[in-house]
Amino acid sequence: MRNHNIFFLMLFLSVSTSCQSITSKKDKTSENESNFRLKKLNQQDLSTYETAYFASGCFWCVEAIFESVKGVKEVISGYSGGSEKNPTYEQVGGGMTSHAEAVEVYYDPKVISFTALVQVFFGSHDPTSLNRQGPDRGRQYRSVAFYKNKSEKKIITDFISLLKSENVYEGAPITTEVTAFEKFYRAEDYHQDYERNNPNNSYIRNVSIPRLNRFKENFGDYLKEDSH
């Protein structure tokens, strides 16, 4: 794990734009494309896939990272970890709810394990940064590993213990919340596949793509063939 230490610590440096601040109505021009893909998703049979839920900053970034992982069929951006019903992007992004921006990961356990997904989660963000990832600040961008059962909880807590014992973060406390999963709300259609549909967006260019590329550099064995 030590060979990823610099990657963890250097992942987010001096970028001024943020996930919430740069969003505008112009960014919704790809909504038709997203709607088309979501219709295809709804036609897919995802019942044979397991689901996992994570939050680690702007969901545009997190969705793209998990989409690149082998064994992952689909990733949905949304909101979880709060008590408010049917939250909107404006509410969550503005810090007006207790939800975090999160992703719902559909994966094939015969190809990739929940343990591996937990490794992807910790390997693609800074879990020592309290209520912040890169330029995005607020509890809506907090680090959360959700579990659906005792087995998943143990996998998460055991991995955190390993990170601590290996001193991966050089004594910095891990602030990741380990939380029982309750409810996931899918985000508005235009957020789905946002990085793919908006490659020229300033946040995507300056934050999301560099974050994805750093992940790829360190976790090549986990990538789909077309993600290298």
C-alpha atoms as a PDB file:
ATOM      1  CA  MET A   1       0.000   0.000   0.000  1.00  0.00           C
ATOM      2  CA  ARG A   2       2.894   2.371   0.625  1.00  0.00           C
ATOM      3  CA  ASN A   3       3.566   2.815  -3.067  1.00  0.00           C
ATOM      4  CA  HIS A   4       0.244   4.640  -3.367  1.00  0.00           C
ATOM      5  CA  ASN A   5       1.099   7.079  -0.570  1.00  0.00           C
ATOM      6  CA  ILE A   6       2.159   9.970  -2.773  1.00  0.00           C
ATOM      7  CA  PHE A   7      -0.858   9.372  -5.002  1.00  0.00           C
ATOM      8  CA  PHE A   8      -3.211   9.711  -2.047  1.00  0.00           C
ATOM      9  CA  LEU A   9      -1.550  12.868  -0.761  1.00  0.00           C
ATOM     10  CA  MET A  10      -1.096  14.598  -4.108  1.00  0.00           C
ATOM     11  CA  LEU A  11      -4.450  13.720  -5.640  1.00  0.00           C
ATOM     12  CA  PHE A  12      -6.032  17.137  -5.270  1.00  0.00           C
ATOM     13  CA  LEU A  13      -3.869  20.275  -5.487  1.00  0.00           C
ATOM     14  CA  SER A  14      -4.665  23.949  -6.034  1.00  0.00           C
ATOM     15  CA  VAL A  15      -7.681  23.854  -8.356  1.00  0.00           C
ATOM     16  CA  SER A  16     -10.040  26.789  -7.993  1.00  0.00           C
ATOM     17  CA  THR A  17     -13.163  25.537  -9.770  1.00  0.00           C
ATOM     18  CA  SER A  18     -15.704  23.382  -7.945  1.00  0.00           C
ATOM     19  CA  CYS A  19     -18.368  20.844  -8.824  1.00  0.00           C
ATOM     20  CA  GLN A  20     -21.220  23.102  -7.698  1.00  0.00           C
ATOM     21  CA  SER A  21     -20.004  26.546  -8.715  1.00  0.00           C
ATOM     22  CA  ILE A  22     -19.361  25.854 -12.399  1.00  0.00           C
ATOM     23  CA  THR A  23     -22.699  24.165 -13.091  1.00  0.00           C
ATOM     24  CA  SER A  24     -24.979  26.145 -15.367  1.00  0.00           C
ATOM     25  CA  LYS A  25     -27.924  25.575 -17.645  1.00  0.00           C
ATOM     26  CA  LYS A  26     -25.487  25.353 -20.540  1.00  0.00           C
ATOM     27  CA  ASP A  27     -24.078  22.179 -18.997  1.00  0.00           C
ATOM     28  CA  LYS A  28     -27.434  20.503 -19.562  1.00  0.00           C
ATOM     29  CA  THR A  29     -27.090  20.466 -23.355  1.00  0.00           C
ATOM     30  CA  SER A  30     -26.165  16.780 -23.248  1.00  0.00           C
ATOM     31  CA  GLU A  31     -29.336  15.815 -21.403  1.00  0.00           C
ATOM     32  CA  ASN A  32     -30.817  14.165 -24.490  1.00  0.00           C
ATOM     33  CA  GLU A  33     -27.793  11.883 -24.746  1.00  0.00           C
ATOM     34  CA  SER A  34     -28.039  11.011 -21.055  1.00  0.00           C
ATOM     35  CA  ASN A  35     -31.760  10.349 -21.333  1.00  0.00           C
ATOM     36  CA  PHE A  36     -31.132   7.984 -24.234  1.00  0.00           C
ATOM     37  CA  ARG A  37     -28.515   6.066 -22.270  1.00  0.00           C
ATOM     38  CA  LEU A  38     -30.748   5.918 -19.193  1.00  0.00           C
ATOM     39  CA  LYS A  39     -33.539   4.444 -21.293  1.00  0.00           C
ATOM     40  CA  LYS A  40     -31.116   1.775 -22.452  1.00  0.00           C
ATOM     41  CA  LEU A  41     -30.110   1.220 -18.819  1.00  0.00           C
ATOM     42  CA  ASN A  42     -33.735   0.768 -17.813  1.00  0.00           C
ATOM     43  CA  GLN A  43     -34.061  -1.902 -20.495  1.00  0.00           C
ATOM     44  CA  GLN A  44     -31.068  -3.796 -19.154  1.00  0.00           C
ATOM     45  CA  ASP A  45     -31.542  -6.580 -16.655  1.00  0.00           C
ATOM     46  CA  LEU A  46     -29.424  -5.486 -13.712  1.00  0.00           C
ATOM     47  CA  SER A  47     -31.048  -7.913 -11.286  1.00  0.00           C
ATOM     48  CA  THR A  48     -28.111 -10.302 -11.566  1.00  0.00           C
ATOM     49  CA  TYR A  49     -25.642  -7.650 -10.404  1.00  0.00           C
ATOM     50  CA  GLU A  50     -24.727  -6.657  -6.877  1.00  0.00           C
ATOM     51  CA  THR A  51     -24.819  -3.029  -5.764  1.00  0.00           C
ATOM     52  CA  ALA A  52     -22.368  -0.977  -3.740  1.00  0.00           C
ATOM     53  CA  TYR A  53     -22.585   2.629  -2.585  1.00  0.00           C
ATOM     54  CA  PHE A  54     -19.823   5.166  -2.043  1.00  0.00           C
ATOM     55  CA  ALA A  55     -19.359   8.914  -1.621  1.00  0.00           C
ATOM     56  CA  SER A  56     -16.015  10.629  -2.154  1.00  0.00           C
ATOM     57  CA  GLY A  57     -16.521  14.133  -3.460  1.00  0.00           C
ATOM     58  CA  CYS A  58     -18.165  15.284  -6.674  1.00  0.00           C
ATOM     59  CA  PHE A  59     -20.153  12.396  -8.129  1.00  0.00           C
ATOM     60  CA  TRP A  60     -19.095  13.297 -11.675  1.00  0.00           C
ATOM     61  CA  CYS A  61     -15.576  12.208 -10.749  1.00  0.00           C
ATOM     62  CA  VAL A  62     -16.570   9.159  -8.734  1.00  0.00           C
ATOM     63  CA  GLU A  63     -18.924   7.849 -11.409  1.00  0.00           C
ATOM     64  CA  ALA A  64     -16.204   8.035 -14.080  1.00  0.00           C
ATOM     65  CA  ILE A  65     -13.704   6.208 -11.880  1.00  0.00           C
ATOM     66  CA  PHE A  66     -15.960   3.262 -11.086  1.00  0.00           C
ATOM     67  CA  GLU A  67     -17.170   3.125 -14.700  1.00  0.00           C
ATOM     68  CA  SER A  68     -13.578   2.370 -15.707  1.00  0.00           C
ATOM     69  CA  VAL A  69     -13.304  -0.669 -13.415  1.00  0.00           C
ATOM     70  CA  LYS A  70     -13.642  -4.185 -14.809  1.00  0.00           C
ATOM     71  CA  GLY A  71     -16.664  -6.077 -13.543  1.00  0.00           C
ATOM     72  CA  VAL A  72     -18.670  -2.875 -13.121  1.00  0.00           C
ATOM     73  CA  LYS A  73     -21.742  -2.868 -15.350  1.00  0.00           C
ATOM     74  CA  GLU A  74     -23.219   0.534 -14.542  1.00  0.00           C
ATOM     75  CA  VAL A  75     -22.731   3.475 -12.193  1.00  0.00           C
ATOM     76  CA  ILE A  76     -25.449   5.955 -11.259  1.00  0.00           C
ATOM     77  CA  SER A  77     -24.828   9.379  -9.735  1.00  0.00           C
ATOM     78  CA  GLY A  78     -27.116  10.384  -6.903  1.00  0.00           C
ATOM     79  CA  TYR A  79     -27.541  11.290  -3.267  1.00  0.00           C
ATOM     80  CA  SER A  80     -27.389   9.199  -0.094  1.00  0.00           C
ATOM     81  CA  GLY A  81     -26.628   9.345   3.607  1.00  0.00           C
ATOM     82  CA  GLY A  82     -29.268  11.921   4.520  1.00  0.00           C
ATOM     83  CA  SER A  83     -32.792  12.022   5.878  1.00  0.00           C
ATOM     84  CA  GLU A  84     -34.495  14.346   3.406  1.00  0.00           C
ATOM     85  CA  LYS A  85     -36.736  12.752   0.759  1.00  0.00           C
ATOM     86  CA  ASN A  86     -36.261  13.371  -2.952  1.00  0.00           C
ATOM     87  CA  PRO A  87     -33.343  15.813  -2.676  1.00  0.00           C
ATOM     88  CA  THR A  88     -32.336  17.933  -5.662  1.00  0.00           C
ATOM     89  CA  TYR A  89     -28.885  18.877  -6.901  1.00  0.00           C
ATOM     90  CA  GLU A  90     -29.404  22.476  -5.882  1.00  0.00           C
ATOM     91  CA  GLN A  91     -30.342  21.398  -2.350  1.00  0.00           C
ATOM     92  CA  VAL A  92     -27.535  18.878  -1.893  1.00  0.00           C
ATOM     93  CA  GLY A  93     -24.863  20.916  -3.659  1.00  0.00           C
ATOM     94  CA  GLY A  94     -25.878  23.994  -1.684  1.00  0.00           C
ATOM     95  CA  GLY A  95     -25.467  22.164   1.613  1.00  0.00           C
ATOM     96  CA  MET A  96     -29.164  22.362   2.438  1.00  0.00           C
ATOM     97  CA  THR A  97     -29.559  18.637   3.153  1.00  0.00           C
ATOM     98  CA  SER A  98     -27.734  15.959   5.139  1.00  0.00           C
ATOM     99  CA  HIS A  99     -27.084  13.911   1.988  1.00  0.00           C
ATOM    100  CA  ALA A 100     -23.734  13.399   0.272  1.00  0.00           C
ATOM    101  CA  GLU A 101     -23.163  13.197  -3.461  1.00  0.00           C
ATOM    102  CA  ALA A 102     -22.849   9.442  -3.959  1.00  0.00           C
ATOM    103  CA  VAL A 103     -22.786   6.698  -6.567  1.00  0.00           C
ATOM    104  CA  GLU A 104     -24.637   3.432  -6.982  1.00  0.00           C
ATOM    105  CA  VAL A 105     -22.336   0.789  -8.463  1.00  0.00           C
ATOM    106  CA  TYR A 106     -23.718  -2.280 -10.252  1.00  0.00           C
ATOM    107  CA  TYR A 107     -21.030  -4.946 -10.381  1.00  0.00           C
ATOM    108  CA  ASP A 108     -20.504  -8.607 -11.153  1.00  0.00           C
ATOM    109  CA  PRO A 109     -19.121 -10.325  -8.025  1.00  0.00           C
ATOM    110  CA  LYS A 110     -17.726 -13.094 -10.242  1.00  0.00           C
ATOM    111  CA  VAL A 111     -15.418 -10.533 -11.836  1.00  0.00           C
ATOM    112  CA  ILE A 112     -14.700  -8.070  -9.038  1.00  0.00           C
ATOM    113  CA  SER A 113     -15.276  -8.363  -5.312  1.00  0.00           C
ATOM    114  CA  PHE A 114     -16.677  -5.867  -2.859  1.00  0.00           C
ATOM    115  CA  THR A 115     -13.229  -5.847  -1.246  1.00  0.00           C
ATOM    116  CA  ALA A 116     -11.709  -4.691  -4.537  1.00  0.00           C
ATOM    117  CA  LEU A 117     -14.331  -1.960  -4.862  1.00  0.00           C
ATOM    118  CA  VAL A 118     -13.414  -0.746  -1.393  1.00  0.00           C
ATOM    119  CA  GLN A 119      -9.793  -0.581  -2.536  1.00  0.00           C
ATOM    120  CA  VAL A 120     -10.887   1.431  -5.573  1.00  0.00           C
ATOM    121  CA  PHE A 121     -12.821   3.756  -3.291  1.00  0.00           C
ATOM    122  CA  PHE A 122      -9.910   4.479  -0.980  1.00  0.00           C
ATOM    123  CA  GLY A 123      -7.422   4.541  -3.836  1.00  0.00           C
ATOM    124  CA  SER A 124      -9.267   7.242  -5.752  1.00  0.00           C
ATOM    125  CA  HIS A 125      -9.701   9.993  -3.162  1.00  0.00           C
ATOM    126  CA  ASP A 126      -8.208  11.446   0.009  1.00  0.00           C
ATOM    127  CA  PRO A 127     -10.059   9.940   3.007  1.00  0.00           C
ATOM    128  CA  THR A 128      -8.172  12.180   5.441  1.00  0.00           C
ATOM    129  CA  SER A 129      -9.740  15.360   4.067  1.00  0.00           C
ATOM    130  CA  LEU A 130     -12.737  16.133   6.291  1.00  0.00           C
ATOM    131  CA  ASN A 131     -15.814  17.307   4.381  1.00  0.00           C
ATOM    132  CA  ARG A 132     -13.731  18.168   1.343  1.00  0.00           C
ATOM    133  CA  GLN A 133     -12.366  16.680  -1.864  1.00  0.00           C
ATOM    134  CA  GLY A 134     -10.139  18.953  -3.889  1.00  0.00           C
ATOM    135  CA  PRO A 135     -11.914  22.249  -4.527  1.00  0.00           C
ATOM    136  CA  ASP A 136     -15.287  20.973  -3.269  1.00  0.00           C
ATOM    137  CA  ARG A 137     -16.077  21.773   0.348  1.00  0.00           C
ATOM    138  CA  GLY A 138     -18.984  20.892   2.591  1.00  0.00           C
ATOM    139  CA  ARG A 139     -20.505  17.772   4.167  1.00  0.00           C
ATOM    140  CA  GLN A 140     -22.142  16.983   0.838  1.00  0.00           C
ATOM    141  CA  TYR A 141     -18.632  16.075  -0.392  1.00  0.00           C
ATOM    142  CA  ARG A 142     -17.663  13.956   2.611  1.00  0.00           C
ATOM    143  CA  SER A 143     -16.122  10.512   2.359  1.00  0.00           C
ATOM    144  CA  VAL A 144     -18.589   7.703   3.060  1.00  0.00           C
ATOM    145  CA  ALA A 145     -18.346   3.942   2.575  1.00  0.00           C
ATOM    146  CA  PHE A 146     -21.842   2.493   2.840  1.00  0.00           C
ATOM    147  CA  TYR A 147     -22.488  -1.098   3.868  1.00  0.00           C
ATOM    148  CA  LYS A 148     -25.593  -3.246   3.377  1.00  0.00           C
ATOM    149  CA  ASN A 149     -24.711  -6.041   5.772  1.00  0.00           C
ATOM    150  CA  LYS A 150     -22.259  -7.110   8.473  1.00  0.00           C
ATOM    151  CA  SER A 151     -19.916  -8.715   5.961  1.00  0.00           C
ATOM    152  CA  GLU A 152     -19.513  -5.497   3.967  1.00  0.00           C
ATOM    153  CA  LYS A 153     -19.033  -3.497   7.148  1.00  0.00           C
ATOM    154  CA  LYS A 154     -16.238  -5.815   8.257  1.00  0.00           C
ATOM    155  CA  ILE A 155     -14.524  -5.561   4.875  1.00  0.00           C
ATOM    156  CA  ILE A 156     -14.552  -1.768   5.097  1.00  0.00           C
ATOM    157  CA  THR A 157     -13.394  -1.550   8.706  1.00  0.00           C
ATOM    158  CA  ASP A 158     -10.697  -4.185   8.177  1.00  0.00           C
ATOM    159  CA  PHE A 159      -9.335  -2.249   5.201  1.00  0.00           C
ATOM    160  CA  ILE A 160      -9.286   0.976   7.200  1.00  0.00           C
ATOM    161  CA  SER A 161      -7.362  -0.857   9.918  1.00  0.00           C
ATOM    162  CA  LEU A 162      -4.883  -2.043   7.274  1.00  0.00           C
ATOM    163  CA  LEU A 163      -4.400   1.494   5.971  1.00  0.00           C
ATOM    164  CA  LYS A 164      -3.699   2.672   9.506  1.00  0.00           C
ATOM    165  CA  SER A 165      -1.315  -0.169  10.319  1.00  0.00           C
ATOM    166  CA  GLU A 166       0.613   0.507   7.101  1.00  0.00           C
ATOM    167  CA  ASN A 167       0.691   4.214   7.963  1.00  0.00           C
ATOM    168  CA  VAL A 168      -0.367   5.043   4.399  1.00  0.00           C
ATOM    169  CA  TYR A 169      -1.395   8.558   5.400  1.00  0.00           C
ATOM    170  CA  GLU A 170       1.584   9.214   7.668  1.00  0.00           C
ATOM    171  CA  GLY A 171      -0.484   9.578  10.816  1.00  0.00           C
ATOM    172  CA  ALA A 172      -3.264  11.698   9.335  1.00  0.00           C
ATOM    173  CA  PRO A 173      -6.617  10.450  10.671  1.00  0.00           C
ATOM    174  CA  ILE A 174      -8.981   8.752   8.244  1.00  0.00           C
ATOM    175  CA  THR A 175     -12.268  10.670   8.307  1.00  0.00           C
ATOM    176  CA  THR A 176     -14.302   8.292   6.133  1.00  0.00           C
ATOM    177  CA  GLU A 177     -17.725   7.546   7.577  1.00  0.00           C
ATOM    178  CA  VAL A 178     -18.718   3.873   7.649  1.00  0.00           C
ATOM    179  CA  THR A 179     -22.484   4.065   7.372  1.00  0.00           C
ATOM    180  CA  ALA A 180     -25.333   1.589   7.020  1.00  0.00           C
ATOM    181  CA  PHE A 181     -26.976   2.042   3.627  1.00  0.00           C
ATOM    182  CA  GLU A 182     -30.604   3.132   3.723  1.00  0.00           C
ATOM    183  CA  LYS A 183     -31.712   4.960   0.584  1.00  0.00           C
ATOM    184  CA  PHE A 184     -30.230   6.135  -2.701  1.00  0.00           C
ATOM    185  CA  TYR A 185     -31.824   8.873  -4.784  1.00  0.00           C
ATOM    186  CA  ARG A 186     -30.785   9.021  -8.428  1.00  0.00           C
ATOM    187  CA  ALA A 187     -29.586  12.456  -9.479  1.00  0.00           C
ATOM    188  CA  GLU A 188     -31.142  14.445 -12.293  1.00  0.00           C
ATOM    189  CA  ASP A 189     -30.676  12.955 -15.760  1.00  0.00           C
ATOM    190  CA  TYR A 190     -28.105  15.483 -16.949  1.00  0.00           C
ATOM    191  CA  HIS A 191     -25.698  14.394 -14.205  1.00  0.00           C
ATOM    192  CA  GLN A 192     -25.474  10.838 -15.507  1.00  0.00           C
ATOM    193  CA  ASP A 193     -22.261  10.197 -17.483  1.00  0.00           C
ATOM    194  CA  TYR A 194     -21.469  13.860 -16.955  1.00  0.00           C
ATOM    195  CA  GLU A 195     -17.745  13.551 -17.552  1.00  0.00           C
ATOM    196  CA  ARG A 196     -18.265  11.595 -20.754  1.00  0.00           C
ATOM    197  CA  ASN A 197     -20.888  14.021 -22.076  1.00  0.00           C
ATOM    198  CA  ASN A 198     -19.146  17.244 -21.059  1.00  0.00           C
ATOM    199  CA  PRO A 199     -15.424  16.798 -21.815  1.00  0.00           C
ATOM    200  CA  ASN A 200     -14.889  20.534 -22.344  1.00  0.00           C
ATOM    201  CA  ASN A 201     -16.425  21.612 -19.049  1.00  0.00           C
ATOM    202  CA  SER A 202     -13.750  23.463 -17.029  1.00  0.00           C
ATOM    203  CA  TYR A 203     -14.293  21.350 -13.901  1.00  0.00           C
ATOM    204  CA  ILE A 204     -14.115  18.152 -15.925  1.00  0.00           C
ATOM    205  CA  ARG A 205     -10.880  19.243 -17.620  1.00  0.00           C
ATOM    206  CA  ASN A 206      -9.193  20.531 -14.469  1.00  0.00           C
ATOM    207  CA  VAL A 207     -10.438  18.145 -11.783  1.00  0.00           C
ATOM    208  CA  SER A 208     -12.324  15.071 -13.004  1.00  0.00           C
ATOM    209  CA  ILE A 209     -10.073  13.943 -15.840  1.00  0.00           C
ATOM    210  CA  PRO A 210      -6.803  14.412 -13.884  1.00  0.00           C
ATOM    211  CA  ARG A 211      -8.333  12.520 -10.946  1.00  0.00           C
ATOM    212  CA  LEU A 212      -9.397   9.677 -13.235  1.00  0.00           C
ATOM    213  CA  ASN A 213      -5.998   9.542 -14.927  1.00  0.00           C
ATOM    214  CA  ARG A 214      -4.166   9.357 -11.581  1.00  0.00           C
ATOM    215  CA  PHE A 215      -6.391   6.488 -10.566  1.00  0.00           C
ATOM    216  CA  LYS A 216      -5.655   4.681 -13.829  1.00  0.00           C
ATOM    217  CA  GLU A 217      -1.919   5.117 -13.344  1.00  0.00           C
ATOM    218  CA  ASN A 218      -2.042   3.400  -9.968  1.00  0.00           C
ATOM    219  CA  PHE A 219      -4.707   0.746 -10.555  1.00  0.00           C
ATOM    220  CA  GLY A 220      -4.060  -0.494 -14.076  1.00  0.00           C
ATOM    221  CA  ASP A 221      -4.880  -4.089 -13.153  1.00  0.00           C
ATOM    222  CA  TYR A 222      -8.403  -3.058 -12.195  1.00  0.00           C
ATOM    223  CA  LEU A 223      -9.265  -1.353 -15.477  1.00  0.00           C
ATOM    224  CA  LYS A 224     -11.510  -2.501 -18.286  1.00  0.00           C
ATOM    225  CA  GLU A 225      -9.720  -3.130 -21.571  1.00  0.00           C
ATOM    226  CA  ASP A 226     -11.151   0.008 -23.184  1.00  0.00           C
ATOM    227  CA  SER A 227     -10.268   2.157 -20.157  1.00  0.00           C
ATOM    228  CA  HIS A 228      -6.462   1.931 -20.447  1.00  0.00           C
END
